N, C-alpha and C. Protein backbone atom coordinates (compact mmCIF):
# COMPACT_ATOMS: atom_id res chain seq x y z
N MET A 1 213.39 48.63 132.27
CA MET A 1 214.46 48.84 133.56
C MET A 1 215.67 47.78 133.10
N ARG A 2 215.68 46.98 132.18
CA ARG A 2 216.72 45.85 131.48
C ARG A 2 218.00 47.17 131.43
N THR A 3 217.73 48.13 130.69
CA THR A 3 218.89 49.25 130.20
C THR A 3 219.10 50.02 131.31
N LEU A 4 218.21 50.13 132.29
CA LEU A 4 219.03 51.15 133.81
C LEU A 4 219.46 49.95 134.56
N SER A 5 219.25 48.51 134.45
CA SER A 5 220.07 47.84 135.23
C SER A 5 221.43 47.68 134.40
N ILE A 6 221.39 47.39 133.07
CA ILE A 6 222.89 47.13 132.81
C ILE A 6 223.58 48.71 133.04
N LEU A 7 223.31 49.82 132.63
CA LEU A 7 223.75 50.90 132.95
C LEU A 7 224.22 51.11 134.50
N THR A 8 223.62 50.64 135.21
CA THR A 8 223.85 50.63 136.97
C THR A 8 225.23 49.83 136.88
N VAL A 9 225.16 48.67 136.31
CA VAL A 9 226.44 47.52 136.64
C VAL A 9 227.57 48.33 135.89
N VAL A 10 227.37 48.75 134.94
CA VAL A 10 228.34 49.30 133.91
C VAL A 10 229.12 50.33 134.84
N THR A 11 228.23 51.33 135.40
CA THR A 11 228.85 52.40 136.11
C THR A 11 229.59 52.04 137.47
N LEU A 12 228.85 51.13 137.96
CA LEU A 12 229.40 50.48 139.08
C LEU A 12 230.94 50.01 138.98
N VAL A 13 231.11 49.01 138.11
CA VAL A 13 232.47 48.10 137.83
C VAL A 13 233.39 49.60 137.55
N THR A 14 232.96 50.44 136.56
CA THR A 14 234.08 51.32 136.09
C THR A 14 234.22 52.12 137.38
N ALA A 15 233.27 52.63 138.44
CA ALA A 15 233.78 53.29 139.22
C ALA A 15 234.67 52.49 140.34
N TYR A 16 234.54 51.56 140.46
CA TYR A 16 235.56 50.70 141.72
C TYR A 16 236.88 50.26 141.00
N ALA A 17 236.84 49.90 139.54
CA ALA A 17 238.06 49.99 138.81
C ALA A 17 238.60 50.61 138.47
N LEU A 18 238.01 52.45 138.71
CA LEU A 18 238.79 53.31 138.92
C LEU A 18 239.23 53.75 140.03
N ALA A 19 238.55 53.22 141.24
CA ALA A 19 238.92 53.60 142.64
C ALA A 19 240.09 52.80 142.92
N PHE A 20 240.43 51.43 142.53
CA PHE A 20 241.37 50.73 142.89
C PHE A 20 242.47 50.65 142.18
N PHE A 21 242.42 51.08 140.77
CA PHE A 21 243.42 50.95 139.82
C PHE A 21 243.77 52.28 139.33
N TYR A 22 243.00 53.29 139.42
CA TYR A 22 243.46 54.73 138.88
C TYR A 22 243.75 55.68 139.77
N ALA A 23 242.83 55.62 140.82
CA ALA A 23 242.92 56.61 141.65
C ALA A 23 244.12 56.13 142.69
N PRO A 24 244.88 57.35 143.20
CA PRO A 24 245.92 56.81 143.80
C PRO A 24 245.85 56.60 145.29
N MET A 25 247.19 56.02 145.53
CA MET A 25 246.66 55.60 147.17
C MET A 25 246.99 56.38 147.87
N ASP A 26 246.41 56.50 149.15
CA ASP A 26 246.42 57.51 150.24
C ASP A 26 248.00 57.53 150.79
N ALA A 27 248.37 58.31 151.17
CA ALA A 27 249.81 58.52 151.81
C ALA A 27 249.47 57.93 153.11
N VAL A 28 248.51 58.32 153.78
CA VAL A 28 248.39 57.98 155.22
C VAL A 28 247.57 56.84 155.63
N GLU A 29 246.24 57.04 154.75
CA GLU A 29 245.37 55.85 154.98
C GLU A 29 245.60 54.64 154.27
N GLY A 30 246.29 54.53 153.46
CA GLY A 30 246.67 53.52 152.60
C GLY A 30 245.49 52.82 151.93
N LEU A 31 245.39 51.48 151.90
CA LEU A 31 244.31 50.85 151.36
C LEU A 31 243.02 50.63 151.85
N ARG A 32 243.01 51.05 153.23
CA ARG A 32 241.65 51.45 153.76
C ARG A 32 240.93 52.49 153.32
N GLN A 33 241.44 53.74 152.67
CA GLN A 33 240.81 54.80 152.45
C GLN A 33 239.47 54.36 151.15
N LYS A 34 240.08 53.55 150.33
CA LYS A 34 239.43 53.25 149.29
C LYS A 34 237.97 52.83 149.57
N ILE A 35 237.54 52.31 150.99
CA ILE A 35 236.33 52.31 151.32
C ILE A 35 235.53 53.45 151.08
N PHE A 36 236.14 54.74 151.17
CA PHE A 36 235.81 56.21 151.04
C PHE A 36 234.69 55.96 149.69
N TYR A 37 235.30 55.48 148.74
CA TYR A 37 234.43 55.52 147.33
C TYR A 37 233.20 54.53 147.53
N LEU A 38 232.71 54.04 148.83
CA LEU A 38 231.39 53.18 148.83
C LEU A 38 230.89 53.96 149.78
N HIS A 39 231.48 54.32 150.90
CA HIS A 39 230.88 54.78 152.24
C HIS A 39 230.45 56.24 152.00
N VAL A 40 230.91 57.30 151.38
CA VAL A 40 230.68 58.40 151.05
C VAL A 40 229.32 58.18 150.23
N PRO A 41 229.24 57.75 148.98
CA PRO A 41 228.12 57.44 147.85
C PRO A 41 227.14 56.81 148.76
N LEU A 42 226.99 56.10 149.30
CA LEU A 42 226.21 55.59 150.24
C LEU A 42 225.50 56.48 151.24
N ALA A 43 226.05 57.22 151.87
CA ALA A 43 225.72 58.05 152.73
C ALA A 43 224.84 59.31 152.10
N LEU A 44 225.63 59.72 151.00
CA LEU A 44 224.73 60.57 150.03
C LEU A 44 223.52 60.47 149.44
N VAL A 45 223.50 59.42 149.08
CA VAL A 45 222.19 58.66 148.54
C VAL A 45 221.38 58.49 149.33
N ALA A 46 221.89 57.98 150.70
CA ALA A 46 220.83 57.62 151.72
C ALA A 46 220.04 59.11 152.23
N LEU A 47 220.78 60.04 152.30
CA LEU A 47 220.19 61.53 152.54
C LEU A 47 219.45 61.93 151.68
N GLY A 48 219.90 61.85 150.26
CA GLY A 48 219.07 62.21 149.33
C GLY A 48 217.88 61.45 149.03
N GLY A 49 217.62 60.36 149.48
CA GLY A 49 216.76 59.30 149.19
C GLY A 49 215.49 59.54 150.32
N PHE A 50 216.03 60.12 151.66
CA PHE A 50 215.34 60.75 152.66
C PHE A 50 214.43 62.00 152.28
N VAL A 51 215.19 62.71 151.79
CA VAL A 51 214.48 64.31 151.26
C VAL A 51 213.85 64.05 150.25
N ALA A 52 213.98 63.05 149.22
CA ALA A 52 213.06 62.45 148.12
C ALA A 52 211.66 62.13 148.67
N GLY A 53 212.13 61.33 149.56
CA GLY A 53 210.80 60.78 150.30
C GLY A 53 209.77 61.88 150.63
N GLY A 54 210.18 62.94 151.22
CA GLY A 54 209.40 64.10 151.83
C GLY A 54 208.83 64.79 150.58
N VAL A 55 209.53 64.95 149.48
CA VAL A 55 209.28 65.69 148.08
C VAL A 55 208.01 65.01 147.69
N LEU A 56 208.30 63.49 147.22
CA LEU A 56 207.21 62.81 147.06
C LEU A 56 205.70 62.77 147.85
N ALA A 57 206.08 62.91 149.28
CA ALA A 57 205.04 63.27 150.12
C ALA A 57 204.28 64.22 149.77
N ILE A 58 204.95 65.43 149.58
CA ILE A 58 204.16 66.76 149.63
C ILE A 58 203.53 66.62 148.30
N GLN A 59 203.85 66.06 147.15
CA GLN A 59 203.00 65.80 146.15
C GLN A 59 201.87 65.00 146.42
N HIS A 60 201.77 63.97 147.28
CA HIS A 60 200.59 63.35 147.61
C HIS A 60 199.77 63.76 148.39
N LEU A 61 200.32 64.73 149.08
CA LEU A 61 198.92 65.71 149.85
C LEU A 61 198.53 66.51 148.92
N ARG A 62 199.14 67.02 147.67
CA ARG A 62 198.90 67.83 147.06
C ARG A 62 197.78 67.44 146.05
N THR A 63 197.98 66.25 145.60
CA THR A 63 197.31 65.38 144.61
C THR A 63 196.31 64.68 145.34
N ARG A 64 196.48 63.94 146.35
CA ARG A 64 195.75 62.97 147.13
C ARG A 64 195.59 61.44 145.79
N ASP A 65 197.00 61.64 144.77
CA ASP A 65 197.16 60.24 144.32
C ASP A 65 198.13 59.31 145.22
N ARG A 66 197.36 58.20 145.07
CA ARG A 66 198.14 57.04 146.26
C ARG A 66 199.24 56.84 145.25
N LYS A 67 199.58 56.98 144.22
CA LYS A 67 200.97 56.41 143.13
C LYS A 67 202.28 57.30 144.25
N TRP A 68 201.90 58.53 144.63
CA TRP A 68 202.78 59.43 145.28
C TRP A 68 203.31 58.75 146.84
N ASP A 69 202.24 58.40 147.22
CA ASP A 69 202.38 57.60 148.61
C ASP A 69 203.47 56.41 148.47
N LEU A 70 203.00 55.74 147.57
CA LEU A 70 203.93 54.61 147.05
C LEU A 70 205.25 54.99 146.89
N ARG A 71 205.52 55.94 146.08
CA ARG A 71 206.81 56.29 145.59
C ARG A 71 207.24 57.03 146.81
N SER A 72 206.81 57.61 147.65
CA SER A 72 207.71 58.25 149.00
C SER A 72 207.75 57.12 149.86
N TYR A 73 207.07 56.11 150.01
CA TYR A 73 207.27 55.12 150.83
C TYR A 73 208.54 54.23 150.56
N VAL A 74 208.48 53.90 149.24
CA VAL A 74 209.57 53.04 148.64
C VAL A 74 211.24 54.16 148.52
N ALA A 75 210.93 55.40 148.41
CA ALA A 75 212.30 56.02 148.27
C ALA A 75 212.82 55.68 150.06
N ILE A 76 212.25 55.90 150.77
CA ILE A 76 212.30 55.95 151.99
C ILE A 76 212.93 54.83 152.67
N HIS A 77 212.15 53.73 152.08
CA HIS A 77 212.67 51.92 152.29
C HIS A 77 213.88 52.11 151.73
N MET A 78 214.21 52.58 150.58
CA MET A 78 215.57 52.12 149.96
C MET A 78 216.41 52.94 150.73
N ALA A 79 216.11 54.30 151.09
CA ALA A 79 216.92 55.30 151.87
C ALA A 79 217.55 54.40 153.01
N LEU A 80 216.96 53.63 153.80
CA LEU A 80 217.04 53.06 154.99
C LEU A 80 217.91 51.84 154.70
N ILE A 81 218.12 51.14 153.78
CA ILE A 81 218.64 50.15 153.29
C ILE A 81 220.20 50.78 153.30
N PHE A 82 220.01 51.84 152.39
CA PHE A 82 221.50 52.62 151.94
C PHE A 82 222.18 53.35 153.15
N GLY A 83 221.35 53.39 153.98
CA GLY A 83 221.75 53.91 155.57
C GLY A 83 222.45 52.97 156.33
N ILE A 84 221.74 51.76 156.24
CA ILE A 84 222.32 50.25 157.02
C ILE A 84 223.77 50.37 156.09
N GLY A 85 224.03 50.25 155.01
CA GLY A 85 225.11 50.23 154.17
C GLY A 85 226.21 51.39 155.08
N THR A 86 225.74 52.31 154.94
CA THR A 86 226.43 53.30 155.16
C THR A 86 227.05 53.47 156.54
N LEU A 87 226.21 52.90 157.63
CA LEU A 87 226.77 52.85 159.22
C LEU A 87 227.82 51.38 159.05
N VAL A 88 227.37 50.78 158.06
CA VAL A 88 228.39 49.43 158.41
C VAL A 88 229.64 49.53 157.79
N THR A 89 229.46 50.26 156.84
CA THR A 89 230.98 50.74 155.87
C THR A 89 231.79 51.65 156.71
N GLY A 90 230.82 52.58 157.54
CA GLY A 90 231.49 53.70 158.57
C GLY A 90 232.31 52.68 159.73
N SER A 91 231.52 51.96 160.19
CA SER A 91 232.04 51.05 161.25
C SER A 91 233.12 50.36 161.04
N ILE A 92 233.43 49.71 159.68
CA ILE A 92 234.43 49.27 159.57
C ILE A 92 235.75 50.00 159.04
N TRP A 93 235.39 51.26 158.55
CA TRP A 93 236.61 51.90 158.20
C TRP A 93 237.11 52.40 159.67
N ALA A 94 236.32 52.76 160.75
CA ALA A 94 236.37 53.40 162.06
C ALA A 94 237.11 52.33 162.72
N ARG A 95 236.68 51.17 162.56
CA ARG A 95 237.60 49.84 163.15
C ARG A 95 239.03 50.00 162.85
N ALA A 96 239.11 50.11 161.41
CA ALA A 96 240.67 49.74 161.09
C ALA A 96 241.38 51.15 161.28
N ALA A 97 240.50 52.39 161.37
CA ALA A 97 241.59 53.36 161.22
C ALA A 97 241.52 54.08 162.67
N TRP A 98 240.82 54.02 163.58
CA TRP A 98 240.70 54.45 165.06
C TRP A 98 240.82 53.34 165.91
N GLY A 99 240.51 51.95 165.52
CA GLY A 99 240.62 50.93 166.43
C GLY A 99 239.32 51.08 167.55
N HIS A 100 238.37 51.55 166.95
CA HIS A 100 236.96 51.73 167.42
C HIS A 100 235.75 51.44 166.56
N TRP A 101 234.81 50.69 166.76
CA TRP A 101 233.68 50.50 165.94
C TRP A 101 232.92 51.72 166.08
N TRP A 102 232.87 52.90 166.74
CA TRP A 102 232.07 53.70 167.04
C TRP A 102 232.65 54.96 168.00
N LEU A 103 232.56 56.08 167.88
CA LEU A 103 232.83 57.29 168.52
C LEU A 103 231.80 58.30 168.90
N TRP A 104 230.89 57.98 170.00
CA TRP A 104 229.80 58.88 170.64
C TRP A 104 230.20 60.09 170.37
N ASP A 105 231.56 60.73 170.56
CA ASP A 105 231.36 62.27 170.62
C ASP A 105 231.90 62.76 169.02
N GLU A 106 231.70 61.97 168.50
CA GLU A 106 232.02 62.37 166.66
C GLU A 106 230.59 62.76 166.50
N PRO A 107 230.45 64.14 166.09
CA PRO A 107 229.02 64.56 165.57
C PRO A 107 228.32 64.29 164.21
N LEU A 108 229.39 63.74 163.39
CA LEU A 108 229.19 63.68 162.32
C LEU A 108 228.37 62.06 162.01
N LEU A 109 229.01 61.08 162.98
CA LEU A 109 228.64 59.81 163.16
C LEU A 109 227.08 59.91 164.00
N VAL A 110 227.29 60.55 164.87
CA VAL A 110 225.88 60.33 165.71
C VAL A 110 224.86 61.29 165.20
N SER A 111 224.85 62.27 164.52
CA SER A 111 224.20 63.01 163.56
C SER A 111 223.25 61.97 162.45
N PHE A 112 224.12 61.14 161.92
CA PHE A 112 223.79 60.33 160.93
C PHE A 112 222.80 59.36 161.59
N LEU A 113 223.41 58.75 162.86
CA LEU A 113 222.52 57.59 163.36
C LEU A 113 221.34 58.25 163.96
N ILE A 114 221.22 59.74 164.17
CA ILE A 114 219.76 60.24 164.55
C ILE A 114 218.93 60.19 163.46
N VAL A 115 219.27 60.66 162.15
CA VAL A 115 218.82 60.46 161.07
C VAL A 115 217.92 59.27 160.86
N PHE A 116 218.87 58.35 161.02
CA PHE A 116 218.60 57.14 160.61
C PHE A 116 217.66 56.41 161.48
N LEU A 117 217.67 56.46 162.78
CA LEU A 117 216.76 56.01 163.91
C LEU A 117 215.41 56.79 163.61
N LEU A 118 215.54 58.02 163.19
CA LEU A 118 214.31 58.89 163.01
C LEU A 118 213.40 58.43 161.89
N TYR A 119 214.12 57.71 160.68
CA TYR A 119 213.20 57.29 159.94
C TYR A 119 212.91 55.69 159.93
N ALA A 120 213.59 55.25 160.83
CA ALA A 120 213.43 53.53 161.29
C ALA A 120 212.17 53.63 162.07
N CYS A 121 211.42 54.75 162.43
CA CYS A 121 210.31 54.93 163.01
C CYS A 121 209.16 55.00 162.14
N TYR A 122 209.29 55.40 160.84
CA TYR A 122 208.64 55.29 159.94
C TYR A 122 207.72 54.39 159.42
N GLN A 123 208.13 53.10 159.33
CA GLN A 123 207.57 52.04 158.87
C GLN A 123 206.62 51.67 159.90
N PRO A 124 206.88 51.30 161.24
CA PRO A 124 206.23 50.98 162.31
C PRO A 124 205.22 51.92 162.46
N LEU A 125 205.33 53.16 162.58
CA LEU A 125 204.31 54.40 162.73
C LEU A 125 203.12 54.38 161.67
N ARG A 126 203.87 54.03 160.12
CA ARG A 126 202.96 53.94 158.74
C ARG A 126 202.01 52.66 159.32
N PHE A 127 202.32 51.80 159.53
CA PHE A 127 201.38 50.51 159.55
C PHE A 127 200.97 50.43 161.08
N ALA A 128 200.87 51.00 161.72
CA ALA A 128 200.22 50.87 163.20
C ALA A 128 198.86 51.72 162.80
N ILE A 129 198.71 52.47 161.47
CA ILE A 129 197.36 53.03 161.16
C ILE A 129 196.89 51.81 159.94
N GLU A 130 195.47 51.28 160.66
CA GLU A 130 194.76 50.55 159.78
C GLU A 130 194.13 51.32 158.31
N ASP A 131 193.39 52.12 158.57
CA ASP A 131 192.76 52.86 157.23
C ASP A 131 193.87 53.30 156.40
N PRO A 132 193.84 52.62 155.32
CA PRO A 132 194.84 53.26 153.80
C PRO A 132 194.83 54.89 153.58
N GLU A 133 193.67 55.69 153.88
CA GLU A 133 193.67 56.91 153.59
C GLU A 133 194.70 57.60 154.82
N ARG A 134 194.21 57.29 155.80
CA ARG A 134 194.81 57.94 157.32
C ARG A 134 196.05 57.58 157.22
N GLN A 135 196.46 56.25 156.60
CA GLN A 135 197.76 55.63 156.80
C GLN A 135 198.76 56.59 155.94
N ALA A 136 198.03 56.88 154.66
CA ALA A 136 199.05 57.44 153.78
C ALA A 136 199.21 58.96 154.10
N ARG A 137 198.02 59.27 154.39
CA ARG A 137 198.28 60.86 154.91
C ARG A 137 199.17 61.08 156.13
N TYR A 138 198.99 60.61 156.97
CA TYR A 138 199.93 60.80 158.17
C TYR A 138 201.39 60.44 157.90
N ALA A 139 201.51 59.33 157.19
CA ALA A 139 202.88 58.91 156.66
C ALA A 139 203.49 60.04 155.80
N SER A 140 203.01 60.80 154.95
CA SER A 140 203.26 62.15 154.11
C SER A 140 203.45 63.03 155.11
N VAL A 141 202.88 63.11 156.07
CA VAL A 141 203.25 64.28 157.30
C VAL A 141 204.68 63.97 157.65
N PHE A 142 204.78 62.92 158.16
CA PHE A 142 205.93 62.37 158.96
C PHE A 142 207.21 62.68 158.03
N ALA A 143 206.88 62.03 156.84
CA ALA A 143 208.13 62.23 155.76
C ALA A 143 208.64 63.56 155.33
N ILE A 144 207.48 64.34 155.39
CA ILE A 144 207.78 65.92 154.89
C ILE A 144 208.64 66.63 156.09
N VAL A 145 208.07 66.48 157.32
CA VAL A 145 208.73 67.17 158.74
C VAL A 145 210.16 66.43 158.80
N ALA A 146 210.29 65.09 158.66
CA ALA A 146 211.46 64.51 158.55
C ALA A 146 212.52 64.84 157.72
N GLY A 147 211.87 65.17 156.34
CA GLY A 147 212.77 65.69 155.44
C GLY A 147 213.26 66.66 155.37
N VAL A 148 212.78 67.79 156.15
CA VAL A 148 213.18 69.25 156.38
C VAL A 148 214.16 68.91 157.26
N PHE A 149 214.20 68.04 158.33
CA PHE A 149 215.10 67.95 159.28
C PHE A 149 216.88 67.44 158.97
N VAL A 150 216.67 66.54 157.90
CA VAL A 150 217.94 66.34 157.27
C VAL A 150 218.71 67.32 156.62
N PRO A 151 218.47 68.13 155.92
CA PRO A 151 219.48 69.25 155.58
C PRO A 151 219.80 70.06 156.64
N ILE A 152 218.77 70.49 157.49
CA ILE A 152 219.15 71.19 158.90
C ILE A 152 219.89 70.62 159.76
N ASN A 153 219.85 69.26 159.83
CA ASN A 153 220.91 68.68 160.68
C ASN A 153 222.18 68.43 160.02
N PHE A 154 222.17 68.18 159.04
CA PHE A 154 223.70 68.17 158.08
C PHE A 154 224.18 69.40 157.84
N ALA A 155 223.79 70.60 157.63
CA ALA A 155 224.38 71.43 157.71
C ALA A 155 224.76 72.06 159.11
N ALA A 156 224.10 71.63 160.18
CA ALA A 156 224.54 72.17 161.69
C ALA A 156 225.68 71.46 161.68
N VAL A 157 225.77 70.08 161.67
CA VAL A 157 227.18 69.20 161.85
C VAL A 157 228.17 69.52 160.70
N ARG A 158 227.91 70.20 159.65
CA ARG A 158 229.15 70.60 158.68
C ARG A 158 229.67 71.86 159.36
N PHE A 159 229.08 72.47 160.22
CA PHE A 159 229.25 73.92 160.14
C PHE A 159 229.98 73.88 161.85
N ALA A 160 229.73 72.36 162.44
CA ALA A 160 230.12 72.70 163.83
C ALA A 160 231.99 72.41 163.61
N GLN A 161 232.43 72.43 165.05
CA GLN A 161 233.72 72.36 165.13
C GLN A 161 234.26 70.88 164.80
N GLU A 162 235.25 70.73 164.06
CA GLU A 162 235.72 69.34 163.45
C GLU A 162 236.09 68.68 164.77
N HIS A 163 236.14 67.32 164.52
CA HIS A 163 236.54 66.36 165.49
C HIS A 163 237.39 65.53 164.52
N THR A 164 237.19 63.80 165.16
CA THR A 164 238.03 62.93 164.54
C THR A 164 237.63 62.73 163.08
N HIS A 165 236.11 62.70 162.73
CA HIS A 165 236.01 62.13 161.42
C HIS A 165 236.27 63.22 160.14
N PRO A 166 236.92 62.59 159.29
CA PRO A 166 237.73 63.46 158.50
C PRO A 166 236.41 64.39 157.44
N ARG A 167 236.97 65.37 157.01
CA ARG A 167 235.84 66.22 156.22
C ARG A 167 236.50 66.14 154.79
N THR A 168 236.24 64.94 154.18
CA THR A 168 237.07 64.81 152.67
C THR A 168 236.47 65.69 151.62
N LEU A 169 235.08 66.13 152.11
CA LEU A 169 234.72 66.96 150.82
C LEU A 169 234.46 68.44 150.98
N SER A 170 235.02 68.75 152.21
CA SER A 170 234.98 70.36 152.82
C SER A 170 235.59 71.04 151.83
N SER A 171 236.62 70.54 151.21
CA SER A 171 237.54 71.52 150.36
C SER A 171 238.12 70.45 149.25
N SER A 172 237.74 71.60 148.12
CA SER A 172 238.34 70.96 146.53
C SER A 172 239.87 70.27 146.66
N HIS A 173 240.62 70.69 147.82
CA HIS A 173 241.94 70.42 147.63
C HIS A 173 242.40 69.22 148.31
N ASN A 174 241.23 68.73 148.96
CA ASN A 174 241.82 67.58 149.68
C ASN A 174 241.83 66.07 148.78
N LEU A 175 241.16 65.94 147.67
CA LEU A 175 241.65 65.00 146.89
C LEU A 175 242.24 65.35 145.46
N PRO A 176 243.21 64.53 145.20
CA PRO A 176 243.53 64.71 143.59
C PRO A 176 242.47 64.56 142.22
N GLY A 177 242.83 64.93 141.18
CA GLY A 177 241.96 64.83 139.98
C GLY A 177 241.46 63.42 140.03
N PRO A 178 242.50 62.36 139.89
CA PRO A 178 241.89 60.91 139.57
C PRO A 178 241.05 60.45 140.60
N ALA A 179 240.95 60.57 141.98
CA ALA A 179 240.44 60.47 143.03
C ALA A 179 239.24 61.10 143.02
N TRP A 180 238.94 62.16 142.26
CA TRP A 180 237.63 63.08 142.27
C TRP A 180 237.03 62.19 140.89
N LEU A 181 237.62 62.02 140.18
CA LEU A 181 236.70 61.18 138.80
C LEU A 181 236.24 60.17 139.17
N ALA A 182 237.08 59.27 140.21
CA ALA A 182 236.58 58.03 140.36
C ALA A 182 235.65 58.02 141.57
N PHE A 183 235.68 58.98 142.66
CA PHE A 183 234.52 59.44 143.40
C PHE A 183 232.97 59.82 142.65
N PHE A 184 233.02 60.63 141.66
CA PHE A 184 231.74 61.05 141.04
C PHE A 184 231.33 60.06 140.09
N VAL A 185 232.17 59.10 139.67
CA VAL A 185 231.71 58.20 139.19
C VAL A 185 231.03 56.60 140.03
N ALA A 186 231.87 56.87 141.10
CA ALA A 186 231.18 56.04 142.26
C ALA A 186 229.71 56.51 142.44
N LEU A 187 229.71 57.76 142.77
CA LEU A 187 228.40 58.69 143.29
C LEU A 187 227.34 58.37 142.25
N ALA A 188 227.53 58.60 141.01
CA ALA A 188 226.77 58.31 140.03
C ALA A 188 226.22 56.63 140.00
N GLY A 189 226.95 56.08 140.17
CA GLY A 189 226.73 54.47 140.33
C GLY A 189 225.77 54.27 141.11
N MET A 190 226.03 54.82 142.27
CA MET A 190 225.16 54.49 143.61
C MET A 190 223.60 55.13 143.30
N VAL A 191 223.64 56.41 142.56
CA VAL A 191 222.44 56.86 142.39
C VAL A 191 221.76 56.31 141.31
N LEU A 192 222.30 55.57 140.29
CA LEU A 192 221.63 54.63 139.34
C LEU A 192 221.07 53.36 140.06
N LEU A 193 222.12 52.82 141.16
CA LEU A 193 221.87 51.72 141.83
C LEU A 193 220.28 51.83 142.74
N TYR A 194 220.21 53.09 143.20
CA TYR A 194 219.15 53.51 144.21
C TYR A 194 217.84 53.57 143.61
N VAL A 195 217.78 54.17 142.07
CA VAL A 195 216.92 54.54 141.35
C VAL A 195 216.38 53.15 140.90
N THR A 196 217.22 52.23 140.44
CA THR A 196 217.07 51.10 139.95
C THR A 196 216.35 50.39 140.66
N LEU A 197 216.72 49.95 141.65
CA LEU A 197 215.91 49.11 143.28
C LEU A 197 214.93 49.81 143.46
N CYS A 198 214.64 51.26 143.37
CA CYS A 198 213.43 51.78 143.71
C CYS A 198 212.32 51.31 142.78
N ARG A 199 213.23 51.61 141.28
CA ARG A 199 211.97 51.17 139.96
C ARG A 199 211.57 49.71 140.46
N TYR A 200 212.41 48.81 140.75
CA TYR A 200 211.95 47.29 140.86
C TYR A 200 211.21 46.94 141.88
N GLU A 201 211.43 47.91 143.11
CA GLU A 201 210.42 47.71 144.10
C GLU A 201 208.52 48.07 143.94
N ILE A 202 209.03 49.15 143.29
CA ILE A 202 207.35 49.76 143.07
C ILE A 202 206.81 49.12 141.86
N ALA A 203 207.53 48.37 140.50
CA ALA A 203 206.92 47.35 139.88
C ALA A 203 206.74 46.14 140.75
N ALA A 204 207.15 45.67 141.52
CA ALA A 204 206.87 44.46 142.20
C ALA A 204 205.47 44.88 143.20
N LYS A 205 205.50 45.81 143.61
CA LYS A 205 204.48 46.53 144.66
C LYS A 205 203.14 46.52 143.71
N ASN A 206 203.11 47.12 142.77
CA ASN A 206 202.29 47.54 141.81
C ASN A 206 201.69 46.18 141.06
N VAL A 207 202.49 45.05 140.86
CA VAL A 207 201.92 43.70 140.62
C VAL A 207 201.25 43.23 141.52
N ARG A 208 201.86 43.51 143.01
CA ARG A 208 201.43 42.68 144.17
C ARG A 208 199.83 43.11 144.35
N PHE A 209 199.79 44.58 144.08
CA PHE A 209 198.54 45.27 144.32
C PHE A 209 197.58 44.58 143.08
N ALA A 210 197.81 44.78 141.94
CA ALA A 210 197.29 44.02 141.01
C ALA A 210 196.51 42.40 140.93
N MET A 211 197.60 41.91 141.49
CA MET A 211 197.09 40.60 141.81
C MET A 211 196.00 40.51 142.96
N ARG A 212 196.08 41.12 144.16
CA ARG A 212 195.27 41.20 144.94
C ARG A 212 194.09 41.76 144.54
N ARG A 213 193.79 42.48 143.73
CA ARG A 213 192.40 43.20 143.14
C ARG A 213 191.82 42.10 142.52
N LEU A 214 192.65 41.23 141.47
CA LEU A 214 192.12 40.02 140.71
C LEU A 214 191.44 38.95 141.74
N ARG A 215 192.46 38.70 142.74
CA ARG A 215 191.93 37.66 143.51
C ARG A 215 190.21 37.89 144.16
N ARG A 216 190.68 39.53 144.77
CA ARG A 216 189.02 39.82 145.21
C ARG A 216 188.17 39.75 144.28
N ARG A 217 188.33 40.07 142.95
CA ARG A 217 187.10 40.22 142.24
C ARG A 217 187.00 38.77 141.72
N LEU A 218 187.79 37.89 141.67
CA LEU A 218 187.40 36.53 141.50
C LEU A 218 186.83 35.82 142.58
N GLY A 219 187.07 35.91 143.70
CA GLY A 219 186.40 35.62 145.12
C GLY A 219 185.01 36.37 144.65
N GLU A 220 184.74 37.24 144.43
CA GLU A 220 183.45 38.07 144.47
C GLU A 220 182.28 37.35 143.04
N ASP A 221 183.12 37.10 142.25
CA ASP A 221 182.59 36.20 141.10
C ASP A 221 182.25 35.07 141.44
N VAL A 222 183.08 34.07 142.30
CA VAL A 222 182.60 32.91 142.63
C VAL A 222 181.56 32.82 143.44
N VAL A 223 181.59 33.90 144.54
CA VAL A 223 180.43 34.27 145.53
C VAL A 223 178.71 34.21 144.56
N ALA A 224 179.18 35.39 143.92
CA ALA A 224 178.25 35.52 142.84
C ALA A 224 177.32 34.28 142.23
N GLY A 225 178.52 33.58 141.65
CA GLY A 225 178.03 31.89 140.84
C GLY A 225 177.24 31.74 141.85
N ARG A 226 177.87 30.99 143.01
CA ARG A 226 177.20 30.20 144.00
C ARG A 226 175.62 30.52 144.46
N SER A 227 175.71 31.91 144.42
CA SER A 227 173.97 32.40 144.97
C SER A 227 173.26 32.50 143.97
N ALA A 228 173.52 32.27 142.73
CA ALA A 228 172.72 32.68 141.49
C ALA A 228 172.57 30.98 140.88
N ALA A 229 173.28 30.14 141.54
CA ALA A 229 173.02 28.62 141.23
C ALA A 229 171.74 28.35 141.86
N PRO A 230 171.20 27.17 140.94
CA PRO A 230 169.75 26.69 141.09
C PRO A 230 170.02 25.86 142.60
N GLN A 231 169.08 25.86 143.34
CA GLN A 231 169.06 25.26 144.93
C GLN A 231 168.81 23.75 144.51
């Protein structure tokens, strides 16, 4: 994970160096357009993480292996964090560009919020079930159904009538070559950041589970030792 972490840092630093010093300044947006290189990669990775959670959930239902349930949970959990970043950076841009933090008549904004709120129900619903097997099974079903909804919702919004929010990636002519380069490097860096954080969270949870098993085994040994001791 050290190599992955270093690669992530190098890619992100390169991306935002390109965004600020190589990509041209937008004639209309000016400096505030630079948030595009953070906001859009965050949004794409968050949506991809939600879908990845559904794919991993399918693998869990197919194999009944709890490691896939853990990976699905972490993928969705991390995508929620990236989704918060998307909403925050989007609101900052909206305030600077439109004078409002939010517009309820903009389908792209509202659709992402709906997806985010849908997945915000994942953890409360999951941990409302005490039995681990039922918890993992029901959580996987939820992740699959919600994961199917994400691309359908995204496609419906993309084909809807355009409103205030710019569709920057709808045409290859919207960005000059240097801006595309900075964007793709930023997207690669964001994907690496997502994978790195997921790897760290999975490793931390595996260590926690191992420690819990050791404590339980130690407690059983102590109880057995006391019962075997002479009166």
